[in-house]
PDB file of N, CA and C in Angstrom:
ATOM      1  N   MET A   1       5.417  20.210  18.457  1.00  0.00           N
ATOM      2  CA  MET A   1       4.143  19.798  19.002  1.00  0.00           C
ATOM      3  C   MET A   1       3.253  19.314  17.855  1.00  0.00           C
ATOM      4  N   SER A   2       2.662  18.163  18.002  1.00  0.00           N
ATOM      5  CA  SER A   2       1.808  17.581  16.979  1.00  0.00           C
ATOM      6  C   SER A   2       0.507  18.364  16.851  1.00  0.00           C
ATOM      7  N   LYS A   3       0.069  18.530  15.619  1.00  0.00           N
ATOM      8  CA  LYS A   3      -1.178  19.261  15.363  1.00  0.00           C
ATOM      9  C   LYS A   3      -2.183  18.301  14.741  1.00  0.00           C
ATOM     10  N   ALA A   4      -2.527  17.253  15.485  1.00  0.00           N
ATOM     11  CA  ALA A   4      -3.395  16.209  14.941  1.00  0.00           C
ATOM     12  C   ALA A   4      -4.872  16.493  15.174  1.00  0.00           C
ATOM     13  N   ALA A   5      -5.212  17.363  16.119  1.00  0.00           N
ATOM     14  CA  ALA A   5      -6.615  17.606  16.435  1.00  0.00           C
ATOM     15  C   ALA A   5      -7.184  18.709  15.535  1.00  0.00           C
ATOM     16  N   VAL A   6      -8.450  18.579  15.228  1.00  0.00           N
ATOM     17  CA  VAL A   6      -9.151  19.589  14.441  1.00  0.00           C
ATOM     18  C   VAL A   6     -10.211  20.205  15.331  1.00  0.00           C
ATOM     19  N   PHE A   7     -10.306  21.518  15.291  1.00  0.00           N
ATOM     20  CA  PHE A   7     -11.262  22.254  16.122  1.00  0.00           C
ATOM     21  C   PHE A   7     -12.184  23.014  15.184  1.00  0.00           C
ATOM     22  N   THR A   8     -13.473  22.735  15.278  1.00  0.00           N
ATOM     23  CA  THR A   8     -14.455  23.395  14.429  1.00  0.00           C
ATOM     24  C   THR A   8     -15.342  24.269  15.301  1.00  0.00           C
ATOM     25  N   MET A   9     -15.636  25.478  14.817  1.00  0.00           N
ATOM     26  CA  MET A   9     -16.484  26.377  15.602  1.00  0.00           C
ATOM     27  C   MET A   9     -17.367  27.206  14.683  1.00  0.00           C
ATOM     28  N   LYS A  10     -18.468  27.662  15.253  1.00  0.00           N
ATOM     29  CA  LYS A  10     -19.372  28.536  14.515  1.00  0.00           C
ATOM     30  C   LYS A  10     -19.149  29.962  14.997  1.00  0.00           C
ATOM     31  N   LEU A  11     -19.136  30.900  14.063  1.00  0.00           N
ATOM     32  CA  LEU A  11     -19.015  32.298  14.415  1.00  0.00           C
ATOM     33  C   LEU A  11     -19.665  33.154  13.338  1.00  0.00           C
ATOM     34  N   GLU A  12     -19.864  34.397  13.675  1.00  0.00           N
ATOM     35  CA  GLU A  12     -20.512  35.313  12.747  1.00  0.00           C
ATOM     36  C   GLU A  12     -19.615  35.531  11.524  1.00  0.00           C
ATOM     37  N   PRO A  13     -20.214  35.614  10.335  1.00  0.00           N
ATOM     38  CA  PRO A  13     -19.414  35.811   9.115  1.00  0.00           C
ATOM     39  C   PRO A  13     -18.546  37.075   9.164  1.00  0.00           C
ATOM     40  N   ASP A  14     -19.087  38.159   9.729  1.00  0.00           N
ATOM     41  CA  ASP A  14     -18.312  39.401   9.800  1.00  0.00           C
ATOM     42  C   ASP A  14     -17.080  39.235  10.694  1.00  0.00           C
ATOM     43  N   LEU A  15     -17.257  38.559  11.824  1.00  0.00           N
ATOM     44  CA  LEU A  15     -16.132  38.330  12.728  1.00  0.00           C
ATOM     45  C   LEU A  15     -15.069  37.482  12.039  1.00  0.00           C
ATOM     46  N   ARG A  16     -15.514  36.438  11.338  1.00  0.00           N
ATOM     47  CA  ARG A  16     -14.571  35.571  10.621  1.00  0.00           C
ATOM     48  C   ARG A  16     -13.780  36.367   9.594  1.00  0.00           C
ATOM     49  N   ALA A  17     -14.477  37.187   8.819  1.00  0.00           N
ATOM     50  CA  ALA A  17     -13.818  37.974   7.776  1.00  0.00           C
ATOM     51  C   ALA A  17     -12.817  38.961   8.381  1.00  0.00           C
ATOM     52  N   GLU A  18     -13.212  39.631   9.448  1.00  0.00           N
ATOM     53  CA  GLU A  18     -12.315  40.593  10.109  1.00  0.00           C
ATOM     54  C   GLU A  18     -11.099  39.886  10.700  1.00  0.00           C
ATOM     55  N   PHE A  19     -11.336  38.731  11.299  1.00  0.00           N
ATOM     56  CA  PHE A  19     -10.229  37.983  11.899  1.00  0.00           C
ATOM     57  C   PHE A  19      -9.237  37.536  10.836  1.00  0.00           C
ATOM     58  N   LEU A  20      -9.746  36.949   9.762  1.00  0.00           N
ATOM     59  CA  LEU A  20      -8.867  36.492   8.690  1.00  0.00           C
ATOM     60  C   LEU A  20      -8.087  37.649   8.077  1.00  0.00           C
ATOM     61  N   ALA A  21      -8.734  38.797   7.908  1.00  0.00           N
ATOM     62  CA  ALA A  21      -8.049  39.971   7.359  1.00  0.00           C
ATOM     63  C   ALA A  21      -6.964  40.457   8.314  1.00  0.00           C
ATOM     64  N   ALA A  22      -7.262  40.467   9.598  1.00  0.00           N
ATOM     65  CA  ALA A  22      -6.274  40.912  10.591  1.00  0.00           C
ATOM     66  C   ALA A  22      -5.089  39.956  10.641  1.00  0.00           C
ATOM     67  N   ALA A  23      -5.349  38.662  10.599  1.00  0.00           N
ATOM     68  CA  ALA A  23      -4.262  37.675  10.601  1.00  0.00           C
ATOM     69  C   ALA A  23      -3.402  37.829   9.352  1.00  0.00           C
ATOM     70  N   GLU A  24      -4.044  38.047   8.211  1.00  0.00           N
ATOM     71  CA  GLU A  24      -3.301  38.223   6.965  1.00  0.00           C
ATOM     72  C   GLU A  24      -2.468  39.505   7.022  1.00  0.00           C
ATOM     73  N   ALA A  25      -3.034  40.567   7.584  1.00  0.00           N
ATOM     74  CA  ALA A  25      -2.302  41.835   7.695  1.00  0.00           C
ATOM     75  C   ALA A  25      -1.079  41.683   8.595  1.00  0.00           C
ATOM     76  N   ALA A  26      -1.178  40.788   9.574  1.00  0.00           N
ATOM     77  CA  ALA A  26      -0.058  40.518  10.475  1.00  0.00           C
ATOM     78  C   ALA A  26       0.889  39.469   9.895  1.00  0.00           C
ATOM     79  N   HIS A  27       0.593  38.998   8.685  1.00  0.00           N
ATOM     80  CA  HIS A  27       1.416  37.985   8.005  1.00  0.00           C
ATOM     81  C   HIS A  27       1.548  36.716   8.849  1.00  0.00           C
ATOM     82  N   ARG A  28       0.415  36.319   9.422  1.00  0.00           N
ATOM     83  CA  ARG A  28       0.406  35.113  10.267  1.00  0.00           C
ATOM     84  C   ARG A  28      -0.777  34.251   9.868  1.00  0.00           C
ATOM     85  N   PRO A  29      -0.598  32.933   9.859  1.00  0.00           N
ATOM     86  CA  PRO A  29      -1.731  32.051   9.577  1.00  0.00           C
ATOM     87  C   PRO A  29      -2.789  32.183  10.682  1.00  0.00           C
ATOM     88  N   ALA A  30      -4.036  32.179  10.279  1.00  0.00           N
ATOM     89  CA  ALA A  30      -5.129  32.310  11.240  1.00  0.00           C
ATOM     90  C   ALA A  30      -5.068  31.208  12.293  1.00  0.00           C
ATOM     91  N   SER A  31      -4.709  30.006  11.901  1.00  0.00           N
ATOM     92  CA  SER A  31      -4.648  28.899  12.861  1.00  0.00           C
ATOM     93  C   SER A  31      -3.584  29.151  13.928  1.00  0.00           C
ATOM     94  N   GLN A  32      -2.472  29.765  13.538  1.00  0.00           N
ATOM     95  CA  GLN A  32      -1.425  30.090  14.509  1.00  0.00           C
ATOM     96  C   GLN A  32      -1.935  31.117  15.521  1.00  0.00           C
ATOM     97  N   VAL A  33      -2.655  32.109  15.051  1.00  0.00           N
ATOM     98  CA  VAL A  33      -3.209  33.138  15.938  1.00  0.00           C
ATOM     99  C   VAL A  33      -4.216  32.516  16.896  1.00  0.00           C
ATOM    100  N   VAL A  34      -5.069  31.632  16.400  1.00  0.00           N
ATOM    101  CA  VAL A  34      -6.062  30.973  17.257  1.00  0.00           C
ATOM    102  C   VAL A  34      -5.363  30.126  18.318  1.00  0.00           C
ATOM    103  N   ARG A  35      -4.332  29.385  17.944  1.00  0.00           N
ATOM    104  CA  ARG A  35      -3.590  28.594  18.936  1.00  0.00           C
ATOM    105  C   ARG A  35      -2.993  29.495  20.009  1.00  0.00           C
ATOM    106  N   GLU A  36      -2.424  30.626  19.586  1.00  0.00           N
ATOM    107  CA  GLU A  36      -1.844  31.570  20.545  1.00  0.00           C
ATOM    108  C   GLU A  36      -2.917  32.112  21.498  1.00  0.00           C
ATOM    109  N   LEU A  37      -4.057  32.477  20.949  1.00  0.00           N
ATOM    110  CA  LEU A  37      -5.161  32.977  21.783  1.00  0.00           C
ATOM    111  C   LEU A  37      -5.628  31.909  22.767  1.00  0.00           C
ATOM    112  N   MET A  38      -5.695  30.667  22.303  1.00  0.00           N
ATOM    113  CA  MET A  38      -6.115  29.575  23.182  1.00  0.00           C
ATOM    114  C   MET A  38      -5.112  29.368  24.316  1.00  0.00           C
ATOM    115  N   ARG A  39      -3.817  29.394  23.978  1.00  0.00           N
ATOM    116  CA  ARG A  39      -2.784  29.233  25.015  1.00  0.00           C
ATOM    117  C   ARG A  39      -2.861  30.357  26.046  1.00  0.00           C
ATOM    118  N   GLU A  40      -3.026  31.592  25.570  1.00  0.00           N
ATOM    119  CA  GLU A  40      -3.141  32.733  26.479  1.00  0.00           C
ATOM    120  C   GLU A  40      -4.360  32.582  27.395  1.00  0.00           C
ATOM    121  N   PHE A  41      -5.472  32.123  26.834  1.00  0.00           N
ATOM    122  CA  PHE A  41      -6.687  31.930  27.627  1.00  0.00           C
ATOM    123  C   PHE A  41      -6.455  30.883  28.709  1.00  0.00           C
ATOM    124  N   VAL A  42      -5.833  29.765  28.337  1.00  0.00           N
ATOM    125  CA  VAL A  42      -5.560  28.695  29.308  1.00  0.00           C
ATOM    126  C   VAL A  42      -4.635  29.207  30.408  1.00  0.00           C
ATOM    127  N   GLN A  43      -3.595  29.942  30.047  1.00  0.00           N
ATOM    128  CA  GLN A  43      -2.679  30.500  31.053  1.00  0.00           C
ATOM    129  C   GLN A  43      -3.407  31.458  31.991  1.00  0.00           C
ATOM    130  N   ARG A  44      -4.257  32.304  31.426  1.00  0.00           N
ATOM    131  CA  ARG A  44      -5.019  33.263  32.234  1.00  0.00           C
ATOM    132  C   ARG A  44      -5.957  32.536  33.196  1.00  0.00           C
ATOM    133  N   GLN A  45      -6.587  31.476  32.719  1.00  0.00           N
ATOM    134  CA  GLN A  45      -7.491  30.694  33.580  1.00  0.00           C
ATOM    135  C   GLN A  45      -6.711  30.040  34.718  1.00  0.00           C
ATOM    136  N   ARG A  46      -5.525  29.500  34.409  1.00  0.00           N
ATOM    137  CA  ARG A  46      -4.691  28.883  35.450  1.00  0.00           C
ATOM    138  C   ARG A  46      -4.286  29.918  36.488  1.00  0.00           C
ATOM    139  N   ALA A  47      -3.907  31.111  36.020  1.00  0.00           N
ATOM    140  CA  ALA A  47      -3.525  32.178  36.947  1.00  0.00           C
ATOM    141  C   ALA A  47      -4.722  32.587  37.806  1.00  0.00           C
ATOM    142  N   ASP A  48      -5.895  32.693  37.190  1.00  0.00           N
ATOM    143  CA  ASP A  48      -7.104  33.031  37.951  1.00  0.00           C
ATOM    144  C   ASP A  48      -7.412  31.958  38.988  1.00  0.00           C
ATOM    145  N   ASP A  49      -7.282  30.695  38.597  1.00  0.00           N
ATOM    146  CA  ASP A  49      -7.531  29.586  39.530  1.00  0.00           C
ATOM    147  C   ASP A  49      -6.543  29.626  40.687  1.00  0.00           C
ATOM    148  N   ALA A  50      -5.277  29.904  40.379  1.00  0.00           N
ATOM    149  CA  ALA A  50      -4.259  29.975  41.432  1.00  0.00           C
ATOM    150  C   ALA A  50      -4.544  31.131  42.375  1.00  0.00           C
ATOM    151  N   HIS A  51      -4.957  32.264  41.825  1.00  0.00           N
ATOM    152  CA  HIS A  51      -5.268  33.420  42.671  1.00  0.00           C
ATOM    153  C   HIS A  51      -6.481  33.139  43.536  1.00  0.00           C
ATOM    154  N   ARG A  52      -7.489  32.529  42.953  1.00  0.00           N
ATOM    155  CA  ARG A  52      -8.699  32.186  43.708  1.00  0.00           C
ATOM    156  C   ARG A  52      -8.353  31.243  44.864  1.00  0.00           C
ATOM    157  N   ALA A  53      -7.510  30.255  44.608  1.00  0.00           N
ATOM    158  CA  ALA A  53      -7.091  29.313  45.660  1.00  0.00           C
ATOM    159  C   ALA A  53      -6.315  30.045  46.745  1.00  0.00           C
ATOM    160  N   PHE A  54      -5.441  30.982  46.349  1.00  0.00           N
ATOM    161  CA  PHE A  54      -4.680  31.781  47.306  1.00  0.00           C
ATOM    162  C   PHE A  54      -5.621  32.571  48.213  1.00  0.00           C
ATOM    163  N   VAL A  55      -6.601  33.236  47.605  1.00  0.00           N
ATOM    164  CA  VAL A  55      -7.552  34.034  48.393  1.00  0.00           C
ATOM    165  C   VAL A  55      -8.367  33.136  49.318  1.00  0.00           C
ATOM    166  N   GLU A  56      -8.796  31.992  48.830  1.00  0.00           N
ATOM    167  CA  GLU A  56      -9.564  31.074  49.672  1.00  0.00           C
ATOM    168  C   GLU A  56      -8.745  30.609  50.873  1.00  0.00           C
ATOM    169  N   ARG A  57      -7.444  30.332  50.660  1.00  0.00           N
ATOM    170  CA  ARG A  57      -6.572  29.948  51.788  1.00  0.00           C
ATOM    171  C   ARG A  57      -6.442  31.093  52.785  1.00  0.00           C
ATOM    172  N   LYS A  58      -6.258  32.316  52.282  1.00  0.00           N
ATOM    173  CA  LYS A  58      -6.124  33.475  53.166  1.00  0.00           C
ATOM    174  C   LYS A  58      -7.402  33.683  53.982  1.00  0.00           C
ATOM    175  N   VAL A  59      -8.554  33.547  53.348  1.00  0.00           N
ATOM    176  CA  VAL A  59      -9.833  33.719  54.049  1.00  0.00           C
ATOM    177  C   VAL A  59      -9.996  32.633  55.108  1.00  0.00           C
ATOM    178  N   ALA A  60      -9.660  31.397  54.758  1.00  0.00           N
ATOM    179  CA  ALA A  60      -9.771  30.303  55.728  1.00  0.00           C
ATOM    180  C   ALA A  60      -8.863  30.553  56.933  1.00  0.00           C
ATOM    181  N   LEU A  61      -7.626  31.011  56.686  1.00  0.00           N
ATOM    182  CA  LEU A  61      -6.711  31.322  57.786  1.00  0.00           C
ATOM    183  C   LEU A  61      -7.259  32.460  58.648  1.00  0.00           C
ATOM    184  N   ALA A  62      -7.813  33.471  58.006  1.00  0.00           N
ATOM    185  CA  ALA A  62      -8.371  34.596  58.753  1.00  0.00           C
ATOM    186  C   ALA A  62      -9.553  34.146  59.600  1.00  0.00           C
ATOM    187  N   ARG A  63     -10.407  33.314  59.045  1.00  0.00           N
ATOM    188  CA  ARG A  63     -11.561  32.827  59.811  1.00  0.00           C
ATOM    189  C   ARG A  63     -11.110  31.997  61.010  1.00  0.00           C
ATOM    190  N   THR A  64     -10.090  31.175  60.803  1.00  0.00           N
ATOM    191  CA  THR A  64      -9.543  30.376  61.902  1.00  0.00           C
ATOM    192  C   THR A  64      -8.967  31.281  62.982  1.00  0.00           C
ATOM    193  N   SER A  65      -8.263  32.314  62.562  1.00  0.00           N
ATOM    194  CA  SER A  65      -7.671  33.269  63.500  1.00  0.00           C
ATOM    195  C   SER A  65      -8.748  33.980  64.317  1.00  0.00           C
ATOM    196  N   VAL A  66      -9.792  34.425  63.646  1.00  0.00           N
ATOM    197  CA  VAL A  66     -10.888  35.112  64.344  1.00  0.00           C
ATOM    198  C   VAL A  66     -11.577  34.158  65.304  1.00  0.00           C
ATOM    199  N   ALA A  67     -11.810  32.933  64.863  1.00  0.00           N
ATOM    200  CA  ALA A  67     -12.480  31.939  65.719  1.00  0.00           C
ATOM    201  C   ALA A  67     -11.640  31.628  66.956  1.00  0.00           C
ATOM    202  N   ALA A  68     -10.317  31.753  66.827  1.00  0.00           N
ATOM    203  CA  ALA A  68      -9.425  31.490  67.964  1.00  0.00           C
ATOM    204  C   ALA A  68      -9.232  32.728  68.838  1.00  0.00           C
ATOM    205  N   GLY A  69      -9.936  33.807  68.496  1.00  0.00           N
ATOM    206  CA  GLY A  69      -9.852  35.018  69.309  1.00  0.00           C
ATOM    207  C   GLY A  69      -8.680  35.918  68.980  1.00  0.00           C
ATOM    208  N   ARG A  70      -8.050  35.697  67.834  1.00  0.00           N
ATOM    209  CA  ARG A  70      -6.905  36.525  67.456  1.00  0.00           C
ATOM    210  C   ARG A  70      -7.286  37.626  66.471  1.00  0.00           C
ATOM    211  N   GLY A  71      -8.564  37.879  66.331  1.00  0.00           N
ATOM    212  CA  GLY A  71      -9.031  38.921  65.414  1.00  0.00           C
ATOM    213  C   GLY A  71      -8.757  40.305  65.978  1.00  0.00           C
ATOM    214  N   ARG A  72      -8.853  41.328  65.115  1.00  0.00           N
ATOM    215  CA  ARG A  72      -8.647  42.708  65.539  1.00  0.00           C
ATOM    216  C   ARG A  72      -9.864  43.530  65.163  1.00  0.00           C
ATOM    217  N   GLU A  73     -10.156  44.517  65.958  1.00  0.00           N
ATOM    218  CA  GLU A  73     -11.277  45.415  65.677  1.00  0.00           C
ATOM    219  C   GLU A  73     -10.968  46.256  64.441  1.00  0.00           C
ATOM    220  N   HIS A  74     -12.001  46.602  63.727  1.00  0.00           N
ATOM    221  CA  HIS A  74     -11.871  47.405  62.508  1.00  0.00           C
ATOM    222  C   HIS A  74     -11.145  48.724  62.798  1.00  0.00           C
ATOM    223  N   ALA A  75     -11.498  49.363  63.885  1.00  0.00           N
ATOM    224  CA  ALA A  75     -10.883  50.650  64.233  1.00  0.00           C
ATOM    225  C   ALA A  75      -9.379  50.509  64.451  1.00  0.00           C
ATOM    226  N   ALA A  76      -8.943  49.407  65.040  1.00  0.00           N
ATOM    227  CA  ALA A  76      -7.513  49.190  65.273  1.00  0.00           C
ATOM    228  C   ALA A  76      -6.773  48.998  63.947  1.00  0.00           C
ATOM    229  N   VAL A  77      -7.384  48.272  63.043  1.00  0.00           N
ATOM    230  CA  VAL A  77      -6.773  48.062  61.728  1.00  0.00           C
ATOM    231  C   VAL A  77      -6.686  49.398  60.988  1.00  0.00           C
ATOM    232  N   ASP A  78      -7.766  50.190  61.036  1.00  0.00           N
ATOM    233  CA  ASP A  78      -7.764  51.509  60.399  1.00  0.00           C
ATOM    234  C   ASP A  78      -6.670  52.398  60.983  1.00  0.00           C
ATOM    235  N   ALA A  79      -6.507  52.389  62.288  1.00  0.00           N
ATOM    236  CA  ALA A  79      -5.492  53.218  62.938  1.00  0.00           C
ATOM    237  C   ALA A  79      -4.092  52.791  62.497  1.00  0.00           C
ATOM    238  N   ASP A  80      -3.838  51.492  62.429  1.00  0.00           N
ATOM    239  CA  ASP A  80      -2.535  51.002  61.975  1.00  0.00           C
ATOM    240  C   ASP A  80      -2.263  51.422  60.527  1.00  0.00           C
ATOM    241  N   PHE A  81      -3.284  51.303  59.693  1.00  0.00           N
ATOM    242  CA  PHE A  81      -3.119  51.688  58.293  1.00  0.00           C
ATOM    243  C   PHE A  81      -2.828  53.182  58.186  1.00  0.00           C
ATOM    244  N   ALA A  82      -3.550  54.009  58.935  1.00  0.00           N
ATOM    245  CA  ALA A  82      -3.333  55.458  58.896  1.00  0.00           C
ATOM    246  C   ALA A  82      -1.915  55.805  59.343  1.00  0.00           C
ATOM    247  N   ALA A  83      -1.425  55.123  60.371  1.00  0.00           N
ATOM    248  CA  ALA A  83      -0.068  55.368  60.856  1.00  0.00           C
ATOM    249  C   ALA A  83       0.961  54.970  59.796  1.00  0.00           C
ATOM    250  N   ARG A  84       0.770  53.831  59.174  1.00  0.00           N
ATOM    251  CA  ARG A  84       1.693  53.388  58.119  1.00  0.00           C
ATOM    252  C   ARG A  84       1.668  54.357  56.945  1.00  0.00           C
ATOM    253  N   HIS A  85       0.483  54.771  56.569  1.00  0.00           N
ATOM    254  CA  HIS A  85       0.329  55.714  55.459  1.00  0.00           C
ATOM    255  C   HIS A  85       1.059  57.019  55.772  1.00  0.00           C
ATOM    256  N   ALA A  86       0.932  57.509  56.985  1.00  0.00           N
ATOM    257  CA  ALA A  86       1.594  58.750  57.383  1.00  0.00           C
ATOM    258  C   ALA A  86       3.112  58.598  57.316  1.00  0.00           C
ATOM    259  N   ARG A  87       3.623  57.441  57.781  1.00  0.00           N
ATOM    260  CA  ARG A  87       5.073  57.211  57.736  1.00  0.00           C
ATOM    261  C   ARG A  87       5.587  57.201  56.298  1.00  0.00           C
ATOM    262  N   ILE A  88       4.857  56.557  55.426  1.00  0.00           N
ATOM    263  CA  ILE A  88       5.263  56.484  54.015  1.00  0.00           C
ATOM    264  C   ILE A  88       5.208  57.869  53.385  1.00  0.00           C
ATOM    265  N   ALA A  89       4.162  58.617  53.684  1.00  0.00           N
ATOM    266  CA  ALA A  89       4.036  59.971  53.145  1.00  0.00           C
ATOM    267  C   ALA A  89       5.177  60.851  53.645  1.00  0.00           C
ATOM    268  N   ASP A  90       5.542  60.713  54.913  1.00  0.00           N
ATOM    269  CA  ASP A  90       6.665  61.481  55.465  1.00  0.00           C
ATOM    270  C   ASP A  90       7.962  61.128  54.747  1.00  0.00           C
ATOM    271  N   LYS A  91       8.203  59.848  54.526  1.00  0.00           N
ATOM    272  CA  LYS A  91       9.418  59.419  53.818  1.00  0.00           C
ATOM    273  C   LYS A  91       9.442  59.994  52.406  1.00  0.00           C
ATOM    274  N   ALA A  92       8.293  59.983  51.746  1.00  0.00           N
ATOM    275  CA  ALA A  92       8.208  60.500  50.383  1.00  0.00           C
ATOM    276  C   ALA A  92       8.520  61.995  50.362  1.00  0.00           C
ATOM    277  N   ARG A  93       8.029  62.733  51.348  1.00  0.00           N
ATOM    278  CA  ARG A  93       8.304  64.178  51.413  1.00  0.00           C
ATOM    279  C   ARG A  93       9.779  64.441  51.664  1.00  0.00           C
ATOM    280  N   ILE A  94      10.401  63.643  52.535  1.00  0.00           N
ATOM    281  CA  ILE A  94      11.821  63.805  52.836  1.00  0.00           C
ATOM    282  C   ILE A  94      12.646  63.500  51.592  1.00  0.00           C
ATOM    283  N   THR A  95      12.302  62.442  50.868  1.00  0.00           N
ATOM    284  CA  THR A  95      13.027  62.040  49.662  1.00  0.00           C
ATOM    285  C   THR A  95      12.895  63.098  48.582  1.00  0.00           C
ATOM    286  N   ASP A  96      11.690  63.685  48.455  1.00  0.00           N
ATOM    287  CA  ASP A  96      11.472  64.712  47.427  1.00  0.00           C
ATOM    288  C   ASP A  96      12.302  65.954  47.695  1.00  0.00           C
ATOM    289  N   LYS A  97      12.575  66.273  48.950  1.00  0.00           N
ATOM    290  CA  LYS A  97      13.326  67.479  49.310  1.00  0.00           C
ATOM    291  C   LYS A  97      14.822  67.318  49.079  1.00  0.00           C
ATOM    292  N   GLU A  98      15.292  66.094  49.048  1.00  0.00           N
ATOM    293  CA  GLU A  98      16.742  65.847  48.909  1.00  0.00           C
ATOM    294  C   GLU A  98      17.224  66.106  47.512  1.00  0.00           C
TER     295      GLU A  98
END
């Protein structure tokens, strides 16, 4: 990968000194560490964007479902969850006894 671009930034002198010392202690060039941090940040942002889009799609589908009359009352959802939780707890108790 070509490294033709230059990135200049301002930061506190203490942070710069600590960063350079940490990079040196890790036997890595500071520029390599910064590139790695930048790549990780970009990946994290992409993952966050993908998750946000996923949630927005789920909310839109739920709103459409409710508008079409396919919604469920809160109490019914709670009852289903309690029943599922009880079944899982029962399975866990049976497995622990074996």
